[in-house]
Amino acid sequence: MARQLRRSMAGNTAVAQPARKAPAKVAPRPAISSPNLAGQRKGFVQFLTEVRSELKKVAWPTRREAMNLTALVVGISVFIGFLLGLIDFLFTEFFRLLLG
């Protein structure tokens, strides 16, 4: 971009050259230690134990509640499907009558 700008301004001396920015200061990167497989395994095992302890805290629904809620979702889905099918049918008939 800067090269193109200088070339385009080479014939035009009335325009001042753009000021250069000071180079951005770069923070040094933190040192990366070599991967420690034993530490990774320990971290993974700790993760699994924490997951297990959190899953014990969950209030799981009973079998009957799960069946009732599943039936409710299926029933509502079927009802909405029929409703949308009916609306689609009505619009199809309306446009068939309208267009001829």
PDB file of N, CA and C in Angstrom:
ATOM      1  N   MET A   1       0.827  -1.195   0.000  1.00  0.00           N
ATOM      2  CA  MET A   1       0.000   0.000   0.000  1.00  0.00           C
ATOM      3  C   MET A   1       0.864   1.247   0.000  1.00  0.00           C
ATOM      4  N   ALA A   2       1.904   1.266   0.819  1.00  0.00           N
ATOM      5  CA  ALA A   2       2.748   2.447   0.900  1.00  0.00           C
ATOM      6  C   ALA A   2       3.470   2.679  -0.422  1.00  0.00           C
ATOM      7  N   ARG A   3       3.888   1.601  -1.088  1.00  0.00           N
ATOM      8  CA  ARG A   3       4.592   1.736  -2.364  1.00  0.00           C
ATOM      9  C   ARG A   3       3.657   2.325  -3.412  1.00  0.00           C
ATOM     10  N   GLN A   4       2.408   1.858  -3.438  1.00  0.00           N
ATOM     11  CA  GLN A   4       1.440   2.389  -4.386  1.00  0.00           C
ATOM     12  C   GLN A   4       1.160   3.855  -4.104  1.00  0.00           C
ATOM     13  N   LEU A   5       1.089   4.218  -2.845  1.00  0.00           N
ATOM     14  CA  LEU A   5       0.838   5.607  -2.469  1.00  0.00           C
ATOM     15  C   LEU A   5       1.983   6.495  -2.919  1.00  0.00           C
ATOM     16  N   ARG A   6       3.220   6.048  -2.715  1.00  0.00           N
ATOM     17  CA  ARG A   6       4.378   6.842  -3.146  1.00  0.00           C
ATOM     18  C   ARG A   6       4.413   6.983  -4.657  1.00  0.00           C
ATOM     19  N   ARG A   7       4.083   5.904  -5.382  1.00  0.00           N
ATOM     20  CA  ARG A   7       4.085   5.982  -6.838  1.00  0.00           C
ATOM     21  C   ARG A   7       3.025   6.949  -7.338  1.00  0.00           C
ATOM     22  N   SER A   8       1.831   6.896  -6.728  1.00  0.00           N
ATOM     23  CA  SER A   8       0.765   7.779  -7.193  1.00  0.00           C
ATOM     24  C   SER A   8       1.055   9.234  -6.851  1.00  0.00           C
ATOM     25  N   MET A   9       1.826   9.467  -5.800  1.00  0.00           N
ATOM     26  CA  MET A   9       2.119  10.829  -5.393  1.00  0.00           C
ATOM     27  C   MET A   9       3.435  11.334  -5.975  1.00  0.00           C
ATOM     28  N   ALA A  10       4.139  10.502  -6.726  1.00  0.00           N
ATOM     29  CA  ALA A  10       5.431  10.915  -7.266  1.00  0.00           C
ATOM     30  C   ALA A  10       5.277  12.100  -8.210  1.00  0.00           C
ATOM     31  N   GLY A  11       4.247  12.138  -9.026  1.00  0.00           N
ATOM     32  CA  GLY A  11       4.047  13.251  -9.954  1.00  0.00           C
ATOM     33  C   GLY A  11       3.353  14.430  -9.308  1.00  0.00           C
ATOM     34  N   ASN A  12       2.753  14.255  -8.152  1.00  0.00           N
ATOM     35  CA  ASN A  12       1.995  15.305  -7.486  1.00  0.00           C
ATOM     36  C   ASN A  12       2.808  15.815  -6.298  1.00  0.00           C
ATOM     37  N   THR A  13       3.455  16.962  -6.456  1.00  0.00           N
ATOM     38  CA  THR A  13       4.311  17.490  -5.394  1.00  0.00           C
ATOM     39  C   THR A  13       3.549  18.353  -4.407  1.00  0.00           C
ATOM     40  N   ALA A  14       2.296  18.692  -4.708  1.00  0.00           N
ATOM     41  CA  ALA A  14       1.531  19.557  -3.813  1.00  0.00           C
ATOM     42  C   ALA A  14       1.039  18.799  -2.580  1.00  0.00           C
ATOM     43  N   VAL A  15       0.960  17.480  -2.655  1.00  0.00           N
ATOM     44  CA  VAL A  15       0.449  16.686  -1.544  1.00  0.00           C
ATOM     45  C   VAL A  15       1.623  16.289  -0.658  1.00  0.00           C
ATOM     46  N   ALA A  16       1.466  16.465   0.639  1.00  0.00           N
ATOM     47  CA  ALA A  16       2.534  16.130   1.575  1.00  0.00           C
ATOM     48  C   ALA A  16       2.618  14.615   1.748  1.00  0.00           C
ATOM     49  N   GLN A  17       3.825  14.130   2.013  1.00  0.00           N
ATOM     50  CA  GLN A  17       4.041  12.711   2.240  1.00  0.00           C
ATOM     51  C   GLN A  17       3.415  12.321   3.581  1.00  0.00           C
ATOM     52  N   PRO A  18       2.814  11.134   3.654  1.00  0.00           N
ATOM     53  CA  PRO A  18       2.217  10.728   4.925  1.00  0.00           C
ATOM     54  C   PRO A  18       3.301  10.453   5.967  1.00  0.00           C
ATOM     55  N   ALA A  19       2.971  10.770   7.211  1.00  0.00           N
ATOM     56  CA  ALA A  19       3.926  10.557   8.298  1.00  0.00           C
ATOM     57  C   ALA A  19       4.029   9.071   8.591  1.00  0.00           C
ATOM     58  N   ARG A  20       5.227   8.622   8.933  1.00  0.00           N
ATOM     59  CA  ARG A  20       5.424   7.211   9.260  1.00  0.00           C
ATOM     60  C   ARG A  20       5.105   6.979  10.722  1.00  0.00           C
ATOM     61  N   LYS A  21       4.514   5.833  10.971  1.00  0.00           N
ATOM     62  CA  LYS A  21       4.191   5.457  12.338  1.00  0.00           C
ATOM     63  C   LYS A  21       5.400   4.807  12.981  1.00  0.00           C
ATOM     64  N   ALA A  22       5.503   4.979  14.276  1.00  0.00           N
ATOM     65  CA  ALA A  22       6.564   4.302  15.017  1.00  0.00           C
ATOM     66  C   ALA A  22       6.219   2.819  15.064  1.00  0.00           C
ATOM     67  N   PRO A  23       7.210   1.954  14.978  1.00  0.00           N
ATOM     68  CA  PRO A  23       6.908   0.520  15.019  1.00  0.00           C
ATOM     69  C   PRO A  23       6.260   0.139  16.352  1.00  0.00           C
ATOM     70  N   ALA A  24       5.293  -0.763  16.256  1.00  0.00           N
ATOM     71  CA  ALA A  24       4.584  -1.198  17.450  1.00  0.00           C
ATOM     72  C   ALA A  24       5.521  -2.006  18.345  1.00  0.00           C
ATOM     73  N   LYS A  25       5.388  -1.791  19.653  1.00  0.00           N
ATOM     74  CA  LYS A  25       6.205  -2.542  20.593  1.00  0.00           C
ATOM     75  C   LYS A  25       5.589  -3.920  20.778  1.00  0.00           C
ATOM     76  N   VAL A  26       6.408  -4.914  20.655  1.00  0.00           N
ATOM     77  CA  VAL A  26       5.942  -6.284  20.763  1.00  0.00           C
ATOM     78  C   VAL A  26       6.344  -6.829  22.117  1.00  0.00           C
ATOM     79  N   ALA A  27       5.352  -7.346  22.832  1.00  0.00           N
ATOM     80  CA  ALA A  27       5.629  -7.926  24.139  1.00  0.00           C
ATOM     81  C   ALA A  27       6.314  -9.271  23.932  1.00  0.00           C
ATOM     82  N   PRO A  28       7.262  -9.607  24.759  1.00  0.00           N
ATOM     83  CA  PRO A  28       7.925 -10.902  24.604  1.00  0.00           C
ATOM     84  C   PRO A  28       6.961 -12.041  24.894  1.00  0.00           C
ATOM     85  N   ARG A  29       7.112 -13.115  24.125  1.00  0.00           N
ATOM     86  CA  ARG A  29       6.255 -14.281  24.327  1.00  0.00           C
ATOM     87  C   ARG A  29       6.680 -15.035  25.572  1.00  0.00           C
ATOM     88  N   PRO A  30       5.704 -15.576  26.281  1.00  0.00           N
ATOM     89  CA  PRO A  30       6.081 -16.385  27.440  1.00  0.00           C
ATOM     90  C   PRO A  30       6.749 -17.678  26.963  1.00  0.00           C
ATOM     91  N   ALA A  31       7.657 -18.148  27.761  1.00  0.00           N
ATOM     92  CA  ALA A  31       8.371 -19.368  27.408  1.00  0.00           C
ATOM     93  C   ALA A  31       7.420 -20.550  27.467  1.00  0.00           C
ATOM     94  N   ILE A  32       7.484 -21.389  26.453  1.00  0.00           N
ATOM     95  CA  ILE A  32       6.626 -22.563  26.382  1.00  0.00           C
ATOM     96  C   ILE A  32       7.458 -23.759  26.810  1.00  0.00           C
ATOM     97  N   SER A  33       7.006 -24.382  27.868  1.00  0.00           N
ATOM     98  CA  SER A  33       7.743 -25.540  28.346  1.00  0.00           C
ATOM     99  C   SER A  33       7.355 -26.753  27.514  1.00  0.00           C
ATOM    100  N   SER A  34       8.179 -27.745  27.536  1.00  0.00           N
ATOM    101  CA  SER A  34       7.879 -28.958  26.784  1.00  0.00           C
ATOM    102  C   SER A  34       6.674 -29.645  27.410  1.00  0.00           C
ATOM    103  N   PRO A  35       5.850 -30.268  26.574  1.00  0.00           N
ATOM    104  CA  PRO A  35       4.642 -30.897  27.116  1.00  0.00           C
ATOM    105  C   PRO A  35       4.995 -32.039  28.054  1.00  0.00           C
ATOM    106  N   ASN A  36       4.284 -32.059  29.161  1.00  0.00           N
ATOM    107  CA  ASN A  36       4.510 -33.074  30.177  1.00  0.00           C
ATOM    108  C   ASN A  36       3.337 -34.053  30.107  1.00  0.00           C
ATOM    109  N   LEU A  37       3.590 -35.246  29.592  1.00  0.00           N
ATOM    110  CA  LEU A  37       2.505 -36.201  29.409  1.00  0.00           C
ATOM    111  C   LEU A  37       1.929 -36.671  30.739  1.00  0.00           C
ATOM    112  N   ALA A  38       2.771 -36.799  31.741  1.00  0.00           N
ATOM    113  CA  ALA A  38       2.261 -37.224  33.048  1.00  0.00           C
ATOM    114  C   ALA A  38       1.314 -36.165  33.606  1.00  0.00           C
ATOM    115  N   GLY A  39       1.648 -34.897  33.413  1.00  0.00           N
ATOM    116  CA  GLY A  39       0.779 -33.814  33.873  1.00  0.00           C
ATOM    117  C   GLY A  39      -0.527 -33.775  33.108  1.00  0.00           C
ATOM    118  N   GLN A  40      -0.462 -34.099  31.808  1.00  0.00           N
ATOM    119  CA  GLN A  40      -1.681 -34.109  31.009  1.00  0.00           C
ATOM    120  C   GLN A  40      -2.600 -35.246  31.448  1.00  0.00           C
ATOM    121  N   ARG A  41      -2.013 -36.395  31.738  1.00  0.00           N
ATOM    122  CA  ARG A  41      -2.840 -37.516  32.203  1.00  0.00           C
ATOM    123  C   ARG A  41      -3.490 -37.184  33.536  1.00  0.00           C
ATOM    124  N   LYS A  42      -2.709 -36.559  34.398  1.00  0.00           N
ATOM    125  CA  LYS A  42      -3.245 -36.190  35.710  1.00  0.00           C
ATOM    126  C   LYS A  42      -4.381 -35.181  35.530  1.00  0.00           C
ATOM    127  N   GLY A  43      -4.207 -34.236  34.606  1.00  0.00           N
ATOM    128  CA  GLY A  43      -5.251 -33.253  34.351  1.00  0.00           C
ATOM    129  C   GLY A  43      -6.500 -33.888  33.774  1.00  0.00           C
ATOM    130  N   PHE A  44      -6.321 -34.881  32.901  1.00  0.00           N
ATOM    131  CA  PHE A  44      -7.467 -35.560  32.306  1.00  0.00           C
ATOM    132  C   PHE A  44      -8.223 -36.369  33.344  1.00  0.00           C
ATOM    133  N   VAL A  45      -7.496 -37.058  34.202  1.00  0.00           N
ATOM    134  CA  VAL A  45      -8.143 -37.840  35.265  1.00  0.00           C
ATOM    135  C   VAL A  45      -8.885 -36.912  36.213  1.00  0.00           C
ATOM    136  N   GLN A  46      -8.277 -35.777  36.537  1.00  0.00           N
ATOM    137  CA  GLN A  46      -8.934 -34.801  37.407  1.00  0.00           C
ATOM    138  C   GLN A  46     -10.206 -34.283  36.745  1.00  0.00           C
ATOM    139  N   PHE A  47     -10.133 -34.032  35.431  1.00  0.00           N
ATOM    140  CA  PHE A  47     -11.307 -33.563  34.690  1.00  0.00           C
ATOM    141  C   PHE A  47     -12.433 -34.587  34.782  1.00  0.00           C
ATOM    142  N   LEU A  48     -12.106 -35.855  34.568  1.00  0.00           N
ATOM    143  CA  LEU A  48     -13.141 -36.895  34.625  1.00  0.00           C
ATOM    144  C   LEU A  48     -13.748 -37.028  36.012  1.00  0.00           C
ATOM    145  N   THR A  49     -12.926 -36.909  37.054  1.00  0.00           N
ATOM    146  CA  THR A  49     -13.473 -36.995  38.410  1.00  0.00           C
ATOM    147  C   THR A  49     -14.377 -35.802  38.710  1.00  0.00           C
ATOM    148  N   GLU A  50     -14.019 -34.635  38.205  1.00  0.00           N
ATOM    149  CA  GLU A  50     -14.868 -33.461  38.417  1.00  0.00           C
ATOM    150  C   GLU A  50     -16.173 -33.582  37.647  1.00  0.00           C
ATOM    151  N   VAL A  51     -16.101 -34.121  36.430  1.00  0.00           N
ATOM    152  CA  VAL A  51     -17.326 -34.336  35.653  1.00  0.00           C
ATOM    153  C   VAL A  51     -18.253 -35.287  36.399  1.00  0.00           C
ATOM    154  N   ARG A  52     -17.687 -36.372  36.928  1.00  0.00           N
ATOM    155  CA  ARG A  52     -18.497 -37.346  37.662  1.00  0.00           C
ATOM    156  C   ARG A  52     -19.146 -36.716  38.890  1.00  0.00           C
ATOM    157  N   SER A  53     -18.376 -35.897  39.617  1.00  0.00           N
ATOM    158  CA  SER A  53     -18.948 -35.269  40.813  1.00  0.00           C
ATOM    159  C   SER A  53     -20.041 -34.267  40.448  1.00  0.00           C
ATOM    160  N   GLU A  54     -19.880 -33.558  39.326  1.00  0.00           N
ATOM    161  CA  GLU A  54     -20.920 -32.613  38.906  1.00  0.00           C
ATOM    162  C   GLU A  54     -22.171 -33.343  38.449  1.00  0.00           C
ATOM    163  N   LEU A  55     -22.001 -34.483  37.767  1.00  0.00           N
ATOM    164  CA  LEU A  55     -23.170 -35.244  37.318  1.00  0.00           C
ATOM    165  C   LEU A  55     -23.954 -35.824  38.490  1.00  0.00           C
ATOM    166  N   LYS A  56     -23.288 -36.054  39.610  1.00  0.00           N
ATOM    167  CA  LYS A  56     -24.002 -36.537  40.796  1.00  0.00           C
ATOM    168  C   LYS A  56     -24.908 -35.453  41.377  1.00  0.00           C
ATOM    169  N   LYS A  57     -24.585 -34.176  41.110  1.00  0.00           N
ATOM    170  CA  LYS A  57     -25.372 -33.071  41.646  1.00  0.00           C
ATOM    171  C   LYS A  57     -26.628 -32.778  40.815  1.00  0.00           C
ATOM    172  N   VAL A  58     -26.703 -33.347  39.612  1.00  0.00           N
ATOM    173  CA  VAL A  58     -27.822 -33.059  38.716  1.00  0.00           C
ATOM    174  C   VAL A  58     -29.087 -33.719  39.249  1.00  0.00           C
ATOM    175  N   ALA A  59     -30.188 -32.979  39.191  1.00  0.00           N
ATOM    176  CA  ALA A  59     -31.483 -33.529  39.596  1.00  0.00           C
ATOM    177  C   ALA A  59     -32.094 -34.208  38.371  1.00  0.00           C
ATOM    178  N   TRP A  60     -31.852 -35.526  38.231  1.00  0.00           N
ATOM    179  CA  TRP A  60     -32.332 -36.268  37.082  1.00  0.00           C
ATOM    180  C   TRP A  60     -33.828 -36.539  37.225  1.00  0.00           C
ATOM    181  N   PRO A  61     -34.581 -36.489  36.106  1.00  0.00           N
ATOM    182  CA  PRO A  61     -36.014 -36.798  36.190  1.00  0.00           C
ATOM    183  C   PRO A  61     -36.220 -38.297  36.382  1.00  0.00           C
ATOM    184  N   THR A  62     -37.356 -38.616  36.958  1.00  0.00           N
ATOM    185  CA  THR A  62     -37.686 -40.034  37.110  1.00  0.00           C
ATOM    186  C   THR A  62     -38.069 -40.596  35.743  1.00  0.00           C
ATOM    187  N   ARG A  63     -38.161 -41.923  35.684  1.00  0.00           N
ATOM    188  CA  ARG A  63     -38.519 -42.572  34.418  1.00  0.00           C
ATOM    189  C   ARG A  63     -39.905 -42.116  33.951  1.00  0.00           C
ATOM    190  N   ARG A  64     -40.826 -42.008  34.889  1.00  0.00           N
ATOM    191  CA  ARG A  64     -42.189 -41.586  34.539  1.00  0.00           C
ATOM    192  C   ARG A  64     -42.205 -40.142  34.022  1.00  0.00           C
ATOM    193  N   GLU A  65     -41.472 -39.245  34.693  1.00  0.00           N
ATOM    194  CA  GLU A  65     -41.399 -37.850  34.244  1.00  0.00           C
ATOM    195  C   GLU A  65     -40.790 -37.762  32.844  1.00  0.00           C
ATOM    196  N   ALA A  66     -39.737 -38.526  32.594  1.00  0.00           N
ATOM    197  CA  ALA A  66     -39.100 -38.503  31.277  1.00  0.00           C
ATOM    198  C   ALA A  66     -40.064 -38.998  30.201  1.00  0.00           C
ATOM    199  N   MET A  67     -40.819 -40.041  30.498  1.00  0.00           N
ATOM    200  CA  MET A  67     -41.783 -40.564  29.521  1.00  0.00           C
ATOM    201  C   MET A  67     -42.899 -39.549  29.262  1.00  0.00           C
ATOM    202  N   ASN A  68     -43.399 -38.916  30.328  1.00  0.00           N
ATOM    203  CA  ASN A  68     -44.457 -37.914  30.160  1.00  0.00           C
ATOM    204  C   ASN A  68     -43.973 -36.716  29.343  1.00  0.00           C
ATOM    205  N   LEU A  69     -42.788 -36.240  29.646  1.00  0.00           N
ATOM    206  CA  LEU A  69     -42.264 -35.088  28.914  1.00  0.00           C
ATOM    207  C   LEU A  69     -41.978 -35.443  27.454  1.00  0.00           C
ATOM    208  N   THR A  70     -41.492 -36.656  27.196  1.00  0.00           N
ATOM    209  CA  THR A  70     -41.254 -37.093  25.823  1.00  0.00           C
ATOM    210  C   THR A  70     -42.562 -37.173  25.056  1.00  0.00           C
ATOM    211  N   ALA A  71     -43.594 -37.732  25.677  1.00  0.00           N
ATOM    212  CA  ALA A  71     -44.908 -37.812  25.028  1.00  0.00           C
ATOM    213  C   ALA A  71     -45.455 -36.416  24.746  1.00  0.00           C
ATOM    214  N   LEU A  72     -45.245 -35.494  25.668  1.00  0.00           N
ATOM    215  CA  LEU A  72     -45.701 -34.121  25.469  1.00  0.00           C
ATOM    216  C   LEU A  72     -45.005 -33.481  24.271  1.00  0.00           C
ATOM    217  N   VAL A  73     -43.700 -33.653  24.168  1.00  0.00           N
ATOM    218  CA  VAL A  73     -42.951 -33.072  23.051  1.00  0.00           C
ATOM    219  C   VAL A  73     -43.396 -33.679  21.726  1.00  0.00           C
ATOM    220  N   VAL A  74     -43.568 -34.998  21.686  1.00  0.00           N
ATOM    221  CA  VAL A  74     -44.018 -35.657  20.459  1.00  0.00           C
ATOM    222  C   VAL A  74     -45.422 -35.184  20.091  1.00  0.00           C
ATOM    223  N   GLY A  75     -46.321 -35.092  21.079  1.00  0.00           N
ATOM    224  CA  GLY A  75     -47.689 -34.639  20.817  1.00  0.00           C
ATOM    225  C   GLY A  75     -47.732 -33.218  20.272  1.00  0.00           C
ATOM    226  N   ILE A  76     -46.988 -32.318  20.877  1.00  0.00           N
ATOM    227  CA  ILE A  76     -46.963 -30.933  20.407  1.00  0.00           C
ATOM    228  C   ILE A  76     -46.357 -30.857  19.014  1.00  0.00           C
ATOM    229  N   SER A  77     -45.330 -31.654  18.744  1.00  0.00           N
ATOM    230  CA  SER A  77     -44.705 -31.646  17.420  1.00  0.00           C
ATOM    231  C   SER A  77     -45.678 -32.121  16.349  1.00  0.00           C
ATOM    232  N   VAL A  78     -46.443 -33.178  16.651  1.00  0.00           N
ATOM    233  CA  VAL A  78     -47.433 -33.678  15.694  1.00  0.00           C
ATOM    234  C   VAL A  78     -48.520 -32.635  15.467  1.00  0.00           C
ATOM    235  N   PHE A  79     -48.983 -32.000  16.533  1.00  0.00           N
ATOM    236  CA  PHE A  79     -50.016 -30.962  16.411  1.00  0.00           C
ATOM    237  C   PHE A  79     -49.529 -29.800  15.553  1.00  0.00           C
ATOM    238  N   ILE A  80     -48.328 -29.316  15.808  1.00  0.00           N
ATOM    239  CA  ILE A  80     -47.777 -28.205  15.022  1.00  0.00           C
ATOM    240  C   ILE A  80     -47.591 -28.632  13.571  1.00  0.00           C
ATOM    241  N   GLY A  81     -47.187 -29.884  13.334  1.00  0.00           N
ATOM    242  CA  GLY A  81     -47.055 -30.382  11.969  1.00  0.00           C
ATOM    243  C   GLY A  81     -48.377 -30.361  11.227  1.00  0.00           C
ATOM    244  N   PHE A  82     -49.444 -30.851  11.882  1.00  0.00           N
ATOM    245  CA  PHE A  82     -50.761 -30.805  11.255  1.00  0.00           C
ATOM    246  C   PHE A  82     -51.218 -29.369  11.021  1.00  0.00           C
ATOM    247  N   LEU A  83     -50.970 -28.488  11.977  1.00  0.00           N
ATOM    248  CA  LEU A  83     -51.369 -27.088  11.835  1.00  0.00           C
ATOM    249  C   LEU A  83     -50.653 -26.432  10.654  1.00  0.00           C
ATOM    250  N   LEU A  84     -49.361 -26.649  10.543  1.00  0.00           N
ATOM    251  CA  LEU A  84     -48.615 -26.065   9.420  1.00  0.00           C
ATOM    252  C   LEU A  84     -49.044 -26.690   8.090  1.00  0.00           C
ATOM    253  N   GLY A  85     -49.346 -27.994   8.102  1.00  0.00           N
ATOM    254  CA  GLY A  85     -49.856 -28.638   6.892  1.00  0.00           C
ATOM    255  C   GLY A  85     -51.182 -28.053   6.460  1.00  0.00           C
ATOM    256  N   LEU A  86     -52.057 -27.786   7.427  1.00  0.00           N
ATOM    257  CA  LEU A  86     -53.355 -27.184   7.115  1.00  0.00           C
ATOM    258  C   LEU A  86     -53.179 -25.776   6.547  1.00  0.00           C
ATOM    259  N   ILE A  87     -52.321 -24.993   7.158  1.00  0.00           N
ATOM    260  CA  ILE A  87     -52.069 -23.633   6.659  1.00  0.00           C
ATOM    261  C   ILE A  87     -51.493 -23.687   5.246  1.00  0.00           C
ATOM    262  N   ASP A  88     -50.579 -24.614   4.995  1.00  0.00           N
ATOM    263  CA  ASP A  88     -50.005 -24.771   3.666  1.00  0.00           C
ATOM    264  C   ASP A  88     -51.082 -25.157   2.657  1.00  0.00           C
ATOM    265  N   PHE A  89     -51.946 -26.090   3.047  1.00  0.00           N
ATOM    266  CA  PHE A  89     -53.039 -26.504   2.158  1.00  0.00           C
ATOM    267  C   PHE A  89     -53.958 -25.323   1.839  1.00  0.00           C
ATOM    268  N   LEU A  90     -54.316 -24.538   2.865  1.00  0.00           N
ATOM    269  CA  LEU A  90     -55.204 -23.389   2.636  1.00  0.00           C
ATOM    270  C   LEU A  90     -54.569 -22.360   1.713  1.00  0.00           C
ATOM    271  N   PHE A  91     -53.277 -22.073   1.905  1.00  0.00           N
ATOM    272  CA  PHE A  91     -52.606 -21.116   1.017  1.00  0.00           C
ATOM    273  C   PHE A  91     -52.531 -21.659  -0.416  1.00  0.00           C
ATOM    274  N   THR A  92     -52.294 -22.967  -0.549  1.00  0.00           N
ATOM    275  CA  THR A  92     -52.242 -23.564  -1.885  1.00  0.00           C
ATOM    276  C   THR A  92     -53.580 -23.424  -2.585  1.00  0.00           C
ATOM    277  N   GLU A  93     -54.671 -23.730  -1.891  1.00  0.00           N
ATOM    278  CA  GLU A  93     -56.005 -23.600  -2.484  1.00  0.00           C
ATOM    279  C   GLU A  93     -56.324 -22.144  -2.789  1.00  0.00           C
ATOM    280  N   PHE A  94     -55.939 -21.242  -1.890  1.00  0.00           N
ATOM    281  CA  PHE A  94     -56.200 -19.819  -2.119  1.00  0.00           C
ATOM    282  C   PHE A  94     -55.522 -19.336  -3.380  1.00  0.00           C
ATOM    283  N   PHE A  95     -54.262 -19.688  -3.569  1.00  0.00           N
ATOM    284  CA  PHE A  95     -53.539 -19.236  -4.764  1.00  0.00           C
ATOM    285  C   PHE A  95     -54.019 -19.962  -6.001  1.00  0.00           C
ATOM    286  N   ARG A  96     -54.493 -21.205  -5.853  1.00  0.00           N
ATOM    287  CA  ARG A  96     -55.063 -21.920  -7.011  1.00  0.00           C
ATOM    288  C   ARG A  96     -56.320 -21.197  -7.472  1.00  0.00           C
ATOM    289  N   LEU A  97     -57.173 -20.750  -6.531  1.00  0.00           N
ATOM    290  CA  LEU A  97     -58.380 -20.009  -6.913  1.00  0.00           C
ATOM    291  C   LEU A  97     -58.037 -18.626  -7.467  1.00  0.00           C
ATOM    292  N   LEU A  98     -57.025 -18.005  -6.861  1.00  0.00           N
ATOM    293  CA  LEU A  98     -56.643 -16.647  -7.271  1.00  0.00           C
ATOM    294  C   LEU A  98     -56.040 -16.628  -8.663  1.00  0.00           C
ATOM    295  N   LEU A  99     -55.193 -17.593  -8.975  1.00  0.00           N
ATOM    296  CA  LEU A  99     -54.485 -17.585 -10.253  1.00  0.00           C
ATOM    297  C   LEU A  99     -55.198 -18.389 -11.330  1.00  0.00           C
ATOM    298  N   GLY A 100     -56.178 -19.148 -10.970  1.00  0.00           N
ATOM    299  CA  GLY A 100     -56.938 -19.679 -11.979  1.00  0.00           C
ATOM    300  C   GLY A 100     -57.245 -20.963 -12.417  1.00  0.00           C
TER     301      GLY A 100
END
